[in-house]
PDB file of all heavy atoms in Angstrom:
ATOM      1  N   VAL A   1      -9.538  14.696  -1.120  1.00  0.00           N
ATOM      2  CA  VAL A   1     -10.965  14.978  -0.981  1.00  0.00           C
ATOM      3  C   VAL A   1     -11.627  14.093   0.099  1.00  0.00           C
ATOM      4  O   VAL A   1     -12.792  13.862   0.128  1.00  0.00           O
ATOM      5  CB  VAL A   1     -11.691  14.772  -2.358  1.00  0.00           C
ATOM      6  CG1 VAL A   1     -11.281  15.843  -3.333  1.00  0.00           C
ATOM      7  CG2 VAL A   1     -11.526  13.314  -2.887  1.00  0.00           C
ATOM      8  N   GLY A   2     -10.740  13.568   0.923  1.00  0.00           N
ATOM      9  CA  GLY A   2     -11.263  12.787   2.132  1.00  0.00           C
ATOM     10  C   GLY A   2     -11.561  11.299   1.764  1.00  0.00           C
ATOM     11  O   GLY A   2     -12.034  10.558   2.695  1.00  0.00           O
ATOM     12  N   GLY A   3     -11.252  10.893   0.568  1.00  0.00           N
ATOM     13  CA  GLY A   3     -11.516   9.528   0.229  1.00  0.00           C
ATOM     14  C   GLY A   3     -10.282   8.594   0.523  1.00  0.00           C
ATOM     15  O   GLY A   3      -9.246   9.097   1.062  1.00  0.00           O
ATOM     16  N   ASP A   4     -10.343   7.367   0.125  1.00  0.00           N
ATOM     17  CA  ASP A   4      -9.234   6.490   0.292  1.00  0.00           C
ATOM     18  C   ASP A   4      -9.135   5.501  -0.868  1.00  0.00           C
ATOM     19  O   ASP A   4     -10.156   5.227  -1.578  1.00  0.00           O
ATOM     20  CB  ASP A   4      -9.181   5.888   1.577  1.00  0.00           C
ATOM     21  CG  ASP A   4     -10.313   4.900   1.935  1.00  0.00           C
ATOM     22  OD1 ASP A   4     -10.836   4.391   0.967  1.00  0.00           O
ATOM     23  OD2 ASP A   4     -10.586   4.691   3.107  1.00  0.00           O
ATOM     24  N   LEU A   5      -7.934   4.848  -0.950  1.00  0.00           N
ATOM     25  CA  LEU A   5      -7.719   3.763  -1.906  1.00  0.00           C
ATOM     26  C   LEU A   5      -7.338   2.484  -1.104  1.00  0.00           C
ATOM     27  O   LEU A   5      -6.626   2.604  -0.125  1.00  0.00           O
ATOM     28  CB  LEU A   5      -6.653   4.057  -2.841  1.00  0.00           C
ATOM     29  CG  LEU A   5      -6.899   4.926  -4.136  1.00  0.00           C
ATOM     30  CD1 LEU A   5      -5.627   5.210  -4.822  1.00  0.00           C
ATOM     31  CD2 LEU A   5      -7.799   4.168  -5.103  1.00  0.00           C
ATOM     32  N   ASN A   6      -7.805   1.320  -1.567  1.00  0.00           N
ATOM     33  CA  ASN A   6      -7.489   0.103  -0.927  1.00  0.00           C
ATOM     34  C   ASN A   6      -7.399  -1.031  -1.914  1.00  0.00           C
ATOM     35  O   ASN A   6      -7.952  -0.847  -3.012  1.00  0.00           O
ATOM     36  CB  ASN A   6      -8.525  -0.179   0.215  1.00  0.00           C
ATOM     37  CG  ASN A   6      -7.873  -0.911   1.321  1.00  0.00           C
ATOM     38  OD1 ASN A   6      -6.873  -1.604   1.195  1.00  0.00           O
ATOM     39  ND2 ASN A   6      -8.415  -0.697   2.564  1.00  0.00           N
ATOM     40  N   ALA A   7      -6.838  -2.095  -1.529  1.00  0.00           N
ATOM     41  CA  ALA A   7      -6.746  -3.248  -2.456  1.00  0.00           C
ATOM     42  C   ALA A   7      -6.448  -4.524  -1.596  1.00  0.00           C
ATOM     43  O   ALA A   7      -5.952  -4.514  -0.492  1.00  0.00           O
ATOM     44  CB  ALA A   7      -5.595  -3.075  -3.448  1.00  0.00           C
ATOM     45  N   TYR A   8      -6.799  -5.668  -2.134  1.00  0.00           N
ATOM     46  CA  TYR A   8      -6.496  -6.893  -1.569  1.00  0.00           C
ATOM     47  C   TYR A   8      -6.400  -8.014  -2.603  1.00  0.00           C
ATOM     48  O   TYR A   8      -6.933  -7.868  -3.744  1.00  0.00           O
ATOM     49  CB  TYR A   8      -7.506  -7.388  -0.425  1.00  0.00           C
ATOM     50  CG  TYR A   8      -8.823  -7.777  -1.012  1.00  0.00           C
ATOM     51  CD1 TYR A   8      -9.139  -9.119  -1.355  1.00  0.00           C
ATOM     52  CD2 TYR A   8      -9.910  -6.873  -1.077  1.00  0.00           C
ATOM     53  CE1 TYR A   8     -10.322  -9.511  -1.898  1.00  0.00           C
ATOM     54  CE2 TYR A   8     -11.106  -7.250  -1.581  1.00  0.00           C
ATOM     55  CZ  TYR A   8     -11.377  -8.594  -1.976  1.00  0.00           C
ATOM     56  OH  TYR A   8     -12.633  -9.016  -2.478  1.00  0.00           O
ATOM     57  N   THR A   9      -5.603  -9.071  -2.279  1.00  0.00           N
ATOM     58  CA  THR A   9      -5.386 -10.234  -3.204  1.00  0.00           C
ATOM     59  C   THR A   9      -5.738 -11.476  -2.462  1.00  0.00           C
ATOM     60  O   THR A   9      -5.486 -11.621  -1.247  1.00  0.00           O
ATOM     61  CB  THR A   9      -3.964 -10.359  -3.583  1.00  0.00           C
ATOM     62  OG1 THR A   9      -3.470  -9.007  -4.125  1.00  0.00           O
ATOM     63  CG2 THR A   9      -3.755 -11.261  -4.686  1.00  0.00           C
ATOM     64  N   ASN A  10      -6.378 -12.464  -3.157  1.00  0.00           N
ATOM     65  CA  ASN A  10      -6.550 -13.744  -2.606  1.00  0.00           C
ATOM     66  C   ASN A  10      -6.124 -14.817  -3.635  1.00  0.00           C
ATOM     67  O   ASN A  10      -5.536 -14.437  -4.673  1.00  0.00           O
ATOM     68  CB  ASN A  10      -7.814 -13.990  -1.988  1.00  0.00           C
ATOM     69  CG  ASN A  10      -9.071 -13.758  -2.967  1.00  0.00           C
ATOM     70  OD1 ASN A  10      -8.831 -14.015  -4.162  1.00  0.00           O
ATOM     71  ND2 ASN A  10     -10.197 -13.310  -2.548  1.00  0.00           N
ATOM     72  N   LYS A  11      -6.577 -16.007  -3.474  1.00  0.00           N
ATOM     73  CA  LYS A  11      -6.139 -17.063  -4.406  1.00  0.00           C
ATOM     74  C   LYS A  11      -6.725 -16.944  -5.805  1.00  0.00           C
ATOM     75  O   LYS A  11      -6.222 -17.343  -6.757  1.00  0.00           O
ATOM     76  CB  LYS A  11      -6.639 -18.447  -3.837  1.00  0.00           C
ATOM     77  CG  LYS A  11      -6.020 -18.760  -2.460  1.00  0.00           C
ATOM     78  CD  LYS A  11      -4.463 -19.025  -2.541  1.00  0.00           C
ATOM     79  CE  LYS A  11      -3.911 -19.302  -1.190  1.00  0.00           C
ATOM     80  NZ  LYS A  11      -4.144 -20.720  -0.647  1.00  0.00           N
ATOM     81  N   GLU A  12      -7.913 -16.209  -5.944  1.00  0.00           N
ATOM     82  CA  GLU A  12      -8.445 -16.187  -7.274  1.00  0.00           C
ATOM     83  C   GLU A  12      -8.866 -14.833  -7.758  1.00  0.00           C
ATOM     84  O   GLU A  12      -9.322 -14.637  -8.911  1.00  0.00           O
ATOM     85  CB  GLU A  12      -9.884 -16.995  -7.200  1.00  0.00           C
ATOM     86  CG  GLU A  12      -9.641 -18.520  -7.101  1.00  0.00           C
ATOM     87  CD  GLU A  12     -10.823 -19.325  -7.513  1.00  0.00           C
ATOM     88  OE1 GLU A  12     -11.988 -18.924  -7.097  1.00  0.00           O
ATOM     89  OE2 GLU A  12     -10.741 -20.343  -8.117  1.00  0.00           O
ATOM     90  N   GLU A  13      -8.639 -13.724  -6.983  1.00  0.00           N
ATOM     91  CA  GLU A  13      -8.930 -12.421  -7.540  1.00  0.00           C
ATOM     92  C   GLU A  13      -8.056 -11.330  -6.795  1.00  0.00           C
ATOM     93  O   GLU A  13      -7.524 -11.600  -5.711  1.00  0.00           O
ATOM     94  CB  GLU A  13     -10.399 -11.993  -7.409  1.00  0.00           C
ATOM     95  CG  GLU A  13     -10.969 -11.973  -5.937  1.00  0.00           C
ATOM     96  CD  GLU A  13     -11.814 -13.153  -5.570  1.00  0.00           C
ATOM     97  OE1 GLU A  13     -12.057 -14.074  -6.439  1.00  0.00           O
ATOM     98  OE2 GLU A  13     -12.277 -13.162  -4.455  1.00  0.00           O
ATOM     99  N   MET A  14      -7.940 -10.146  -7.478  1.00  0.00           N
ATOM    100  CA  MET A  14      -7.319  -8.966  -6.912  1.00  0.00           C
ATOM    101  C   MET A  14      -8.427  -7.904  -7.078  1.00  0.00           C
ATOM    102  O   MET A  14      -9.096  -7.744  -8.089  1.00  0.00           O
ATOM    103  CB  MET A  14      -6.141  -8.609  -7.734  1.00  0.00           C
ATOM    104  CG  MET A  14      -5.228  -7.468  -7.043  1.00  0.00           C
ATOM    105  SD  MET A  14      -5.904  -5.779  -7.038  1.00  0.00           S
ATOM    106  CE  MET A  14      -5.906  -5.407  -8.811  1.00  0.00           C
ATOM    107  N   VAL A  15      -8.627  -7.161  -5.989  1.00  0.00           N
ATOM    108  CA  VAL A  15      -9.602  -6.093  -5.961  1.00  0.00           C
ATOM    109  C   VAL A  15      -8.974  -4.818  -5.583  1.00  0.00           C
ATOM    110  O   VAL A  15      -8.236  -4.748  -4.521  1.00  0.00           O
ATOM    111  CB  VAL A  15     -10.747  -6.398  -4.999  1.00  0.00           C
ATOM    112  CG1 VAL A  15     -11.820  -5.248  -4.980  1.00  0.00           C
ATOM    113  CG2 VAL A  15     -11.469  -7.743  -5.375  1.00  0.00           C
ATOM    114  N   VAL A  16      -9.174  -3.714  -6.312  1.00  0.00           N
ATOM    115  CA  VAL A  16      -8.701  -2.468  -5.926  1.00  0.00           C
ATOM    116  C   VAL A  16      -9.885  -1.534  -5.990  1.00  0.00           C
ATOM    117  O   VAL A  16     -10.711  -1.540  -6.986  1.00  0.00           O
ATOM    118  CB  VAL A  16      -7.535  -1.955  -6.830  1.00  0.00           C
ATOM    119  CG1 VAL A  16      -7.888  -1.978  -8.374  1.00  0.00           C
ATOM    120  CG2 VAL A  16      -7.062  -0.521  -6.530  1.00  0.00           C
ATOM    121  N   TYR A  17     -10.007  -0.691  -4.954  1.00  0.00           N
ATOM    122  CA  TYR A  17     -11.248   0.128  -4.844  1.00  0.00           C
ATOM    123  C   TYR A  17     -11.030   1.384  -4.057  1.00  0.00           C
ATOM    124  O   TYR A  17     -10.012   1.562  -3.452  1.00  0.00           O
ATOM    125  CB  TYR A  17     -12.396  -0.723  -4.242  1.00  0.00           C
ATOM    126  CG  TYR A  17     -12.150  -1.139  -2.778  1.00  0.00           C
ATOM    127  CD1 TYR A  17     -12.793  -0.491  -1.692  1.00  0.00           C
ATOM    128  CD2 TYR A  17     -11.336  -2.205  -2.492  1.00  0.00           C
ATOM    129  CE1 TYR A  17     -12.571  -0.854  -0.409  1.00  0.00           C
ATOM    130  CE2 TYR A  17     -11.116  -2.544  -1.162  1.00  0.00           C
ATOM    131  CZ  TYR A  17     -11.741  -1.933  -0.112  1.00  0.00           C
ATOM    132  OH  TYR A  17     -11.516  -2.306   1.157  1.00  0.00           O
ATOM    133  N   SER A  18     -12.006   2.255  -4.134  1.00  0.00           N
ATOM    134  CA  SER A  18     -11.970   3.516  -3.493  1.00  0.00           C
ATOM    135  C   SER A  18     -13.286   3.817  -2.752  1.00  0.00           C
ATOM    136  O   SER A  18     -14.352   3.415  -3.220  1.00  0.00           O
ATOM    137  CB  SER A  18     -11.684   4.705  -4.458  1.00  0.00           C
ATOM    138  OG  SER A  18     -11.590   5.939  -3.854  1.00  0.00           O
ATOM    139  N   ALA A  19     -13.158   4.478  -1.621  1.00  0.00           N
ATOM    140  CA  ALA A  19     -14.299   4.988  -0.904  1.00  0.00           C
ATOM    141  C   ALA A  19     -14.275   6.545  -1.022  1.00  0.00           C
ATOM    142  O   ALA A  19     -13.167   7.157  -0.783  1.00  0.00           O
ATOM    143  CB  ALA A  19     -14.360   4.590   0.526  1.00  0.00           C
ATOM    144  N   PHE A  20     -15.308   7.217  -1.244  1.00  0.00           N
ATOM    145  CA  PHE A  20     -15.316   8.680  -1.500  1.00  0.00           C
ATOM    146  C   PHE A  20     -16.784   9.231  -1.374  1.00  0.00           C
ATOM    147  O   PHE A  20     -17.728   8.479  -1.417  1.00  0.00           O
ATOM    148  CB  PHE A  20     -14.811   8.937  -2.934  1.00  0.00           C
ATOM    149  CG  PHE A  20     -15.505   8.133  -3.982  1.00  0.00           C
ATOM    150  CD1 PHE A  20     -16.572   8.613  -4.617  1.00  0.00           C
ATOM    151  CD2 PHE A  20     -15.031   6.840  -4.281  1.00  0.00           C
ATOM    152  CE1 PHE A  20     -17.266   7.826  -5.569  1.00  0.00           C
ATOM    153  CE2 PHE A  20     -15.666   6.042  -5.175  1.00  0.00           C
ATOM    154  CZ  PHE A  20     -16.807   6.564  -5.912  1.00  0.00           C
ATOM    155  N   LEU A  21     -16.872  10.544  -1.301  1.00  0.00           N
ATOM    156  CA  LEU A  21     -18.161  11.171  -1.391  1.00  0.00           C
ATOM    157  C   LEU A  21     -18.626  11.156  -2.778  1.00  0.00           C
ATOM    158  O   LEU A  21     -17.883  11.300  -3.769  1.00  0.00           O
ATOM    159  CB  LEU A  21     -18.082  12.643  -0.918  1.00  0.00           C
ATOM    160  CG  LEU A  21     -17.679  12.849   0.542  1.00  0.00           C
ATOM    161  CD1 LEU A  21     -17.475  14.298   0.876  1.00  0.00           C
ATOM    162  CD2 LEU A  21     -18.735  12.191   1.529  1.00  0.00           C
ATOM    163  N   THR A  22     -19.927  10.980  -3.072  1.00  0.00           N
ATOM    164  CA  THR A  22     -20.469  10.761  -4.420  1.00  0.00           C
ATOM    165  C   THR A  22     -20.102  11.838  -5.320  1.00  0.00           C
ATOM    166  O   THR A  22     -20.008  11.561  -6.596  1.00  0.00           O
ATOM    167  CB  THR A  22     -22.001  10.600  -4.297  1.00  0.00           C
ATOM    168  OG1 THR A  22     -22.611  11.695  -3.577  1.00  0.00           O
ATOM    169  CG2 THR A  22     -22.429   9.275  -3.633  1.00  0.00           C
ATOM    170  N   ASP A  23     -19.946  13.100  -4.905  1.00  0.00           N
ATOM    171  CA  ASP A  23     -19.560  14.168  -5.839  1.00  0.00           C
ATOM    172  C   ASP A  23     -18.198  13.877  -6.510  1.00  0.00           C
ATOM    173  O   ASP A  23     -17.814  14.571  -7.511  1.00  0.00           O
ATOM    174  CB  ASP A  23     -19.485  15.492  -5.087  1.00  0.00           C
ATOM    175  CG  ASP A  23     -20.844  16.078  -4.735  1.00  0.00           C
ATOM    176  OD1 ASP A  23     -21.847  15.518  -5.269  1.00  0.00           O
ATOM    177  OD2 ASP A  23     -20.928  17.000  -3.879  1.00  0.00           O
ATOM    178  N   ASP A  24     -17.439  13.000  -5.887  1.00  0.00           N
ATOM    179  CA  ASP A  24     -16.027  12.800  -6.402  1.00  0.00           C
ATOM    180  C   ASP A  24     -15.976  11.471  -7.253  1.00  0.00           C
ATOM    181  O   ASP A  24     -14.867  10.916  -7.455  1.00  0.00           O
ATOM    182  CB  ASP A  24     -15.087  12.694  -5.266  1.00  0.00           C
ATOM    183  CG  ASP A  24     -14.922  14.007  -4.528  1.00  0.00           C
ATOM    184  OD1 ASP A  24     -14.818  15.070  -5.219  1.00  0.00           O
ATOM    185  OD2 ASP A  24     -15.057  13.997  -3.265  1.00  0.00           O
ATOM    186  N   LEU A  25     -17.076  10.986  -7.740  1.00  0.00           N
ATOM    187  CA  LEU A  25     -17.138   9.785  -8.562  1.00  0.00           C
ATOM    188  C   LEU A  25     -16.102   9.865  -9.801  1.00  0.00           C
ATOM    189  O   LEU A  25     -15.347   8.876  -9.956  1.00  0.00           O
ATOM    190  CB  LEU A  25     -18.534   9.495  -9.062  1.00  0.00           C
ATOM    191  CG  LEU A  25     -18.670   8.293  -9.984  1.00  0.00           C
ATOM    192  CD1 LEU A  25     -18.386   6.936  -9.236  1.00  0.00           C
ATOM    193  CD2 LEU A  25     -20.080   8.241 -10.592  1.00  0.00           C
ATOM    194  N   SER A  26     -16.174  10.869 -10.552  1.00  0.00           N
ATOM    195  CA  SER A  26     -15.415  10.958 -11.705  1.00  0.00           C
ATOM    196  C   SER A  26     -13.932  10.945 -11.344  1.00  0.00           C
ATOM    197  O   SER A  26     -13.062  10.239 -12.073  1.00  0.00           O
ATOM    198  CB  SER A  26     -15.714  12.225 -12.515  1.00  0.00           C
ATOM    199  OG  SER A  26     -15.390  13.431 -11.818  1.00  0.00           O
ATOM    200  N   ARG A  27     -13.497  11.586 -10.317  1.00  0.00           N
ATOM    201  CA  ARG A  27     -12.076  11.508  -9.800  1.00  0.00           C
ATOM    202  C   ARG A  27     -11.673  10.056  -9.554  1.00  0.00           C
ATOM    203  O   ARG A  27     -10.641   9.618  -9.915  1.00  0.00           O
ATOM    204  CB  ARG A  27     -11.998  12.387  -8.561  1.00  0.00           C
ATOM    205  CG  ARG A  27     -10.670  12.422  -7.907  1.00  0.00           C
ATOM    206  CD  ARG A  27     -10.635  13.244  -6.620  1.00  0.00           C
ATOM    207  NE  ARG A  27     -10.745  14.709  -6.941  1.00  0.00           N
ATOM    208  CZ  ARG A  27      -9.759  15.532  -6.686  1.00  0.00           C
ATOM    209  NH1 ARG A  27      -8.583  15.128  -6.213  1.00  0.00           N
ATOM    210  NH2 ARG A  27      -9.899  16.801  -6.963  1.00  0.00           N
ATOM    211  N   ALA A  28     -12.584   9.380  -8.790  1.00  0.00           N
ATOM    212  CA  ALA A  28     -12.264   7.974  -8.375  1.00  0.00           C
ATOM    213  C   ALA A  28     -12.178   7.033  -9.664  1.00  0.00           C
ATOM    214  O   ALA A  28     -11.245   6.215  -9.776  1.00  0.00           O
ATOM    215  CB  ALA A  28     -13.267   7.431  -7.454  1.00  0.00           C
ATOM    216  N   VAL A  29     -13.144   7.105 -10.523  1.00  0.00           N
ATOM    217  CA  VAL A  29     -13.168   6.266 -11.759  1.00  0.00           C
ATOM    218  C   VAL A  29     -11.992   6.465 -12.610  1.00  0.00           C
ATOM    219  O   VAL A  29     -11.225   5.589 -12.983  1.00  0.00           O
ATOM    220  CB  VAL A  29     -14.474   6.483 -12.495  1.00  0.00           C
ATOM    221  CG1 VAL A  29     -14.417   5.673 -13.781  1.00  0.00           C
ATOM    222  CG2 VAL A  29     -15.702   6.045 -11.663  1.00  0.00           C
ATOM    223  N   GLU A  30     -11.609   7.776 -12.923  1.00  0.00           N
ATOM    224  CA  GLU A  30     -10.480   8.014 -13.698  1.00  0.00           C
ATOM    225  C   GLU A  30      -9.155   7.533 -13.101  1.00  0.00           C
ATOM    226  O   GLU A  30      -8.279   6.919 -13.764  1.00  0.00           O
ATOM    227  CB  GLU A  30     -10.365   9.541 -13.934  1.00  0.00           C
ATOM    228  CG  GLU A  30      -9.349   9.978 -14.909  1.00  0.00           C
ATOM    229  CD  GLU A  30      -7.894  10.108 -14.360  1.00  0.00           C
ATOM    230  OE1 GLU A  30      -7.812  10.460 -13.169  1.00  0.00           O
ATOM    231  OE2 GLU A  30      -6.939   9.891 -15.132  1.00  0.00           O
ATOM    232  N   LEU A  31      -9.016   7.700 -11.829  1.00  0.00           N
ATOM    233  CA  LEU A  31      -7.795   7.174 -11.118  1.00  0.00           C
ATOM    234  C   LEU A  31      -7.675   5.703 -11.209  1.00  0.00           C
ATOM    235  O   LEU A  31      -6.657   5.194 -11.442  1.00  0.00           O
ATOM    236  CB  LEU A  31      -7.835   7.676  -9.619  1.00  0.00           C
ATOM    237  CG  LEU A  31      -6.627   7.223  -8.779  1.00  0.00           C
ATOM    238  CD1 LEU A  31      -5.316   7.733  -9.341  1.00  0.00           C
ATOM    239  CD2 LEU A  31      -6.827   7.571  -7.365  1.00  0.00           C
ATOM    240  N   LEU A  32      -8.788   4.997 -10.871  1.00  0.00           N
ATOM    241  CA  LEU A  32      -8.796   3.542 -10.885  1.00  0.00           C
ATOM    242  C   LEU A  32      -8.464   3.013 -12.243  1.00  0.00           C
ATOM    243  O   LEU A  32      -7.687   2.015 -12.421  1.00  0.00           O
ATOM    244  CB  LEU A  32     -10.184   3.020 -10.399  1.00  0.00           C
ATOM    245  CG  LEU A  32     -10.393   3.162  -8.825  1.00  0.00           C
ATOM    246  CD1 LEU A  32     -11.856   3.070  -8.539  1.00  0.00           C
ATOM    247  CD2 LEU A  32      -9.547   2.144  -8.146  1.00  0.00           C
TER     248      LEU A  32
END
């Protein structure tokens, strides 16, 4: 749907996130 997934790690946290069109919020939340 044209979105993407990304992640990074540092000394104190790990972040995984997605960028997407707002209509695809449920798709992103369920996947994460």
